[in-house]
Amino acid sequence: MSNREIVRNRIFIEKKLFNKLSAETGSPKTDDVLITGGGSIGTAYRITDDSPIYFKDADVLWIRTKNINGKFLVSYFKTNIFRKYLHSIAHIGTISHYTIIQLKNTPIQLPAYSEQNRIGDCFVTLNSLIAANEQVPKLVIKIVNNSLANSSFSN
């Protein structure tokens, strides 16, 4: 979750155990947000479907988004305002920690829910455009390299 890479070493628990734990504590649903609370603190991830997901202990904090838009919340967690606040209150030691209590006390100014939707959708679109544009130089280099490899200048 910390660096947005694909998880290659997924850890699974038995479905029976997952169902038992979910019955006791619930499990994340679409638009809920998970945020790292240990190590690389403050990295947020929005749940995009109701696929079963299990996480253990307080290294991942779960935000149930009943009255807040998950896209908006994830966008907020990327702001300089939040990053500065997080740095000012996080328990720093061998491993940084952002606790449940700290999360509950995090000041967030929330616009009306409809406005959260518009803002969240806008940032999702912007992030998609930025990611697409970051690929353009790589594609240009690939095209140039392929052209040079196929040209009469190569041996």
Foldseek 3Di string as FASTA:
>chain_A
DLPPDDDPDDDDDDPVVLVVVCVVPNFDAAQKKKFAFKASGLQIDGHHHGDGDDDDDFRIDIGHPPQAGSLLVNVVSPDPVNVVVCVVPWDDDPMTGQGPVNVVVDDDDDDHRVVSVVVSVVVVVVVVVVVVVVCVVVVVVVVVVVCVCPDPVDD
